[in-house]
Amino acid sequence: MELDHESNERATDLLDPVVRDAIVHITARQFSTKRLIEEVCSTANGAEAYQQALAIAEEAGADATMARHIVHGQIIPFILRGSGLVRFAGFIHGMPSEDDGYGVPSRWRRL
């Protein structure tokens, strides 16, 4: 399932600033998508934006699990790729601790 264009833009607009803030707060040169989402949700603003993005996906017809798949696997990677702050550094294989069950475990490298 994909979100309609308007829902996708709304969710992206909500998450973009908190994802960028999280990138700045993570001090490691490389980090996983899972680690980034944990950082986003560690602040009140980030947790609220994350919950609102999930709600947008659910309003567009996704159930709660699919909403997480959309946010973790589509929207957040889209923001990361377009941020100009990081570059995709590959998929993470064989590390169950990096698999949140909602997106393909991936690594990102600071620019």
C-alpha atoms as a PDB file:
ATOM      1  CA  MET A   1       0.000   0.000   0.000  1.00  0.00           C
ATOM      2  CA  GLU A   2       1.128   3.529  -0.724  1.00  0.00           C
ATOM      3  CA  LEU A   3      -0.354   6.710   0.630  1.00  0.00           C
ATOM      4  CA  ASP A   4      -2.157   9.056  -1.705  1.00  0.00           C
ATOM      5  CA  HIS A   5      -0.066  12.073  -2.697  1.00  0.00           C
ATOM      6  CA  GLU A   6      -1.674  14.480  -0.206  1.00  0.00           C
ATOM      7  CA  SER A   7      -1.360  12.097   2.755  1.00  0.00           C
ATOM      8  CA  ASN A   8       2.239  11.283   1.841  1.00  0.00           C
ATOM      9  CA  GLU A   9       3.127  14.995   1.690  1.00  0.00           C
ATOM     10  CA  ARG A  10       1.415  15.711   5.020  1.00  0.00           C
ATOM     11  CA  ALA A  11       3.259  12.879   6.776  1.00  0.00           C
ATOM     12  CA  THR A  12       6.567  13.869   5.155  1.00  0.00           C
ATOM     13  CA  ASP A  13       6.121  17.531   6.116  1.00  0.00           C
ATOM     14  CA  LEU A  14       5.426  16.534   9.735  1.00  0.00           C
ATOM     15  CA  LEU A  15       8.424  14.238  10.025  1.00  0.00           C
ATOM     16  CA  ASP A  16      11.010  16.150   7.987  1.00  0.00           C
ATOM     17  CA  PRO A  17      12.088  18.649  10.685  1.00  0.00           C
ATOM     18  CA  VAL A  18      12.231  16.065  13.478  1.00  0.00           C
ATOM     19  CA  VAL A  19      14.181  13.614  11.312  1.00  0.00           C
ATOM     20  CA  ARG A  20      16.688  16.373  10.482  1.00  0.00           C
ATOM     21  CA  ASP A  21      16.981  17.250  14.182  1.00  0.00           C
ATOM     22  CA  ALA A  22      17.537  13.582  15.030  1.00  0.00           C
ATOM     23  CA  ILE A  23      20.325  13.319  12.443  1.00  0.00           C
ATOM     24  CA  VAL A  24      22.087  16.234  14.110  1.00  0.00           C
ATOM     25  CA  HIS A  25      21.712  14.701  17.593  1.00  0.00           C
ATOM     26  CA  ILE A  26      23.087  11.293  16.635  1.00  0.00           C
ATOM     27  CA  THR A  27      26.829  11.608  17.083  1.00  0.00           C
ATOM     28  CA  ALA A  28      27.868   8.385  15.336  1.00  0.00           C
ATOM     29  CA  ARG A  29      29.242   8.663  11.801  1.00  0.00           C
ATOM     30  CA  GLN A  30      26.906   5.840  10.743  1.00  0.00           C
ATOM     31  CA  PHE A  31      23.542   4.849  12.155  1.00  0.00           C
ATOM     32  CA  SER A  32      20.614   2.632  11.311  1.00  0.00           C
ATOM     33  CA  THR A  33      17.099   3.633  10.383  1.00  0.00           C
ATOM     34  CA  LYS A  34      15.954   1.975  13.608  1.00  0.00           C
ATOM     35  CA  ARG A  35      18.380   4.109  15.646  1.00  0.00           C
ATOM     36  CA  LEU A  36      17.150   7.243  13.896  1.00  0.00           C
ATOM     37  CA  ILE A  37      13.516   6.417  14.669  1.00  0.00           C
ATOM     38  CA  GLU A  38      14.444   5.839  18.317  1.00  0.00           C
ATOM     39  CA  GLU A  39      16.081   9.279  18.363  1.00  0.00           C
ATOM     40  CA  VAL A  40      13.036  10.882  16.725  1.00  0.00           C
ATOM     41  CA  CYS A  41      10.715   9.322  19.310  1.00  0.00           C
ATOM     42  CA  SER A  42      12.961  10.318  22.234  1.00  0.00           C
ATOM     43  CA  THR A  43      11.760  13.924  22.120  1.00  0.00           C
ATOM     44  CA  ALA A  44       8.248  15.208  22.727  1.00  0.00           C
ATOM     45  CA  ASN A  45       8.087  16.969  19.334  1.00  0.00           C
ATOM     46  CA  GLY A  46       9.494  13.954  17.530  1.00  0.00           C
ATOM     47  CA  ALA A  47       7.174  11.469  19.231  1.00  0.00           C
ATOM     48  CA  GLU A  48       4.175  13.666  18.465  1.00  0.00           C
ATOM     49  CA  ALA A  49       5.149  14.046  14.782  1.00  0.00           C
ATOM     50  CA  TYR A  50       5.741  10.292  14.527  1.00  0.00           C
ATOM     51  CA  GLN A  51       2.309   9.514  16.024  1.00  0.00           C
ATOM     52  CA  GLN A  52       0.640  12.066  13.747  1.00  0.00           C
ATOM     53  CA  ALA A  53       2.334  10.530  10.682  1.00  0.00           C
ATOM     54  CA  LEU A  54       1.031   7.106  11.716  1.00  0.00           C
ATOM     55  CA  ALA A  55      -2.455   8.606  12.142  1.00  0.00           C
ATOM     56  CA  ILE A  56      -2.295  10.116   8.641  1.00  0.00           C
ATOM     57  CA  ALA A  57      -1.454   6.696   7.194  1.00  0.00           C
ATOM     58  CA  GLU A  58      -4.318   5.119   9.129  1.00  0.00           C
ATOM     59  CA  GLU A  59      -6.734   7.826   7.945  1.00  0.00           C
ATOM     60  CA  ALA A  60      -5.676   6.981   4.386  1.00  0.00           C
ATOM     61  CA  GLY A  61      -6.736   3.358   4.908  1.00  0.00           C
ATOM     62  CA  ALA A  62      -3.739   1.587   6.435  1.00  0.00           C
ATOM     63  CA  ASP A  63      -4.111  -0.497   9.564  1.00  0.00           C
ATOM     64  CA  ALA A  64      -1.717   0.198  12.463  1.00  0.00           C
ATOM     65  CA  THR A  65       0.900  -2.300  11.272  1.00  0.00           C
ATOM     66  CA  MET A  66       0.813  -1.094   7.669  1.00  0.00           C
ATOM     67  CA  ALA A  67       1.046   2.512   8.879  1.00  0.00           C
ATOM     68  CA  ARG A  68       4.360   1.636  10.561  1.00  0.00           C
ATOM     69  CA  HIS A  69       5.566  -0.105   7.401  1.00  0.00           C
ATOM     70  CA  ILE A  70       4.783   3.055   5.419  1.00  0.00           C
ATOM     71  CA  VAL A  71       6.448   5.435   7.880  1.00  0.00           C
ATOM     72  CA  HIS A  72       9.527   3.251   8.572  1.00  0.00           C
ATOM     73  CA  GLY A  73      10.013   1.867   5.079  1.00  0.00           C
ATOM     74  CA  GLN A  74       8.912   4.703   2.782  1.00  0.00           C
ATOM     75  CA  ILE A  75       8.575   8.100   4.404  1.00  0.00           C
ATOM     76  CA  ILE A  76      11.606   8.177   6.709  1.00  0.00           C
ATOM     77  CA  PRO A  77      14.010   6.755   4.084  1.00  0.00           C
ATOM     78  CA  PHE A  78      12.628   9.305   1.580  1.00  0.00           C
ATOM     79  CA  ILE A  79      13.391  12.123   4.026  1.00  0.00           C
ATOM     80  CA  LEU A  80      16.857  10.740   4.747  1.00  0.00           C
ATOM     81  CA  ARG A  81      17.726  10.468   1.044  1.00  0.00           C
ATOM     82  CA  GLY A  82      16.581  14.021   0.388  1.00  0.00           C
ATOM     83  CA  SER A  83      18.083  15.618   3.475  1.00  0.00           C
ATOM     84  CA  GLY A  84      21.542  16.249   2.048  1.00  0.00           C
ATOM     85  CA  LEU A  85      22.863  15.283   5.496  1.00  0.00           C
ATOM     86  CA  VAL A  86      23.361  11.546   4.991  1.00  0.00           C
ATOM     87  CA  ARG A  87      23.879   8.969   2.296  1.00  0.00           C
ATOM     88  CA  PHE A  88      22.538   5.441   2.149  1.00  0.00           C
ATOM     89  CA  ALA A  89      25.332   3.113   3.335  1.00  0.00           C
ATOM     90  CA  GLY A  90      23.703  -0.254   2.671  1.00  0.00           C
ATOM     91  CA  PHE A  91      21.348  -2.819   4.043  1.00  0.00           C
ATOM     92  CA  ILE A  92      22.012  -4.459   7.395  1.00  0.00           C
ATOM     93  CA  HIS A  93      22.046  -8.260   7.259  1.00  0.00           C
ATOM     94  CA  GLY A  94      22.239 -10.735  10.117  1.00  0.00           C
ATOM     95  CA  MET A  95      21.650  -8.245  12.929  1.00  0.00           C
ATOM     96  CA  PRO A  96      18.214  -8.952  14.431  1.00  0.00           C
ATOM     97  CA  SER A  97      18.712  -6.083  16.891  1.00  0.00           C
ATOM     98  CA  GLU A  98      18.525  -3.655  13.930  1.00  0.00           C
ATOM     99  CA  ASP A  99      15.327  -5.125  12.489  1.00  0.00           C
ATOM    100  CA  ASP A 100      12.272  -3.300  13.805  1.00  0.00           C
ATOM    101  CA  GLY A 101       9.952  -5.461  11.719  1.00  0.00           C
ATOM    102  CA  TYR A 102       8.591  -2.536   9.695  1.00  0.00           C
ATOM    103  CA  GLY A 103      11.283  -1.546   7.209  1.00  0.00           C
ATOM    104  CA  VAL A 104      14.333  -3.107   5.620  1.00  0.00           C
ATOM    105  CA  PRO A 105      17.195  -2.623   8.108  1.00  0.00           C
ATOM    106  CA  SER A 106      19.454   0.020   6.570  1.00  0.00           C
ATOM    107  CA  ARG A 107      22.546   2.002   7.484  1.00  0.00           C
ATOM    108  CA  TRP A 108      23.109   5.699   6.803  1.00  0.00           C
ATOM    109  CA  ARG A 109      26.413   7.623   6.720  1.00  0.00           C
ATOM    110  CA  ARG A 110      26.787  11.278   7.607  1.00  0.00           C
ATOM    111  CA  LEU A 111      28.106  13.553   4.887  1.00  0.00           C
END
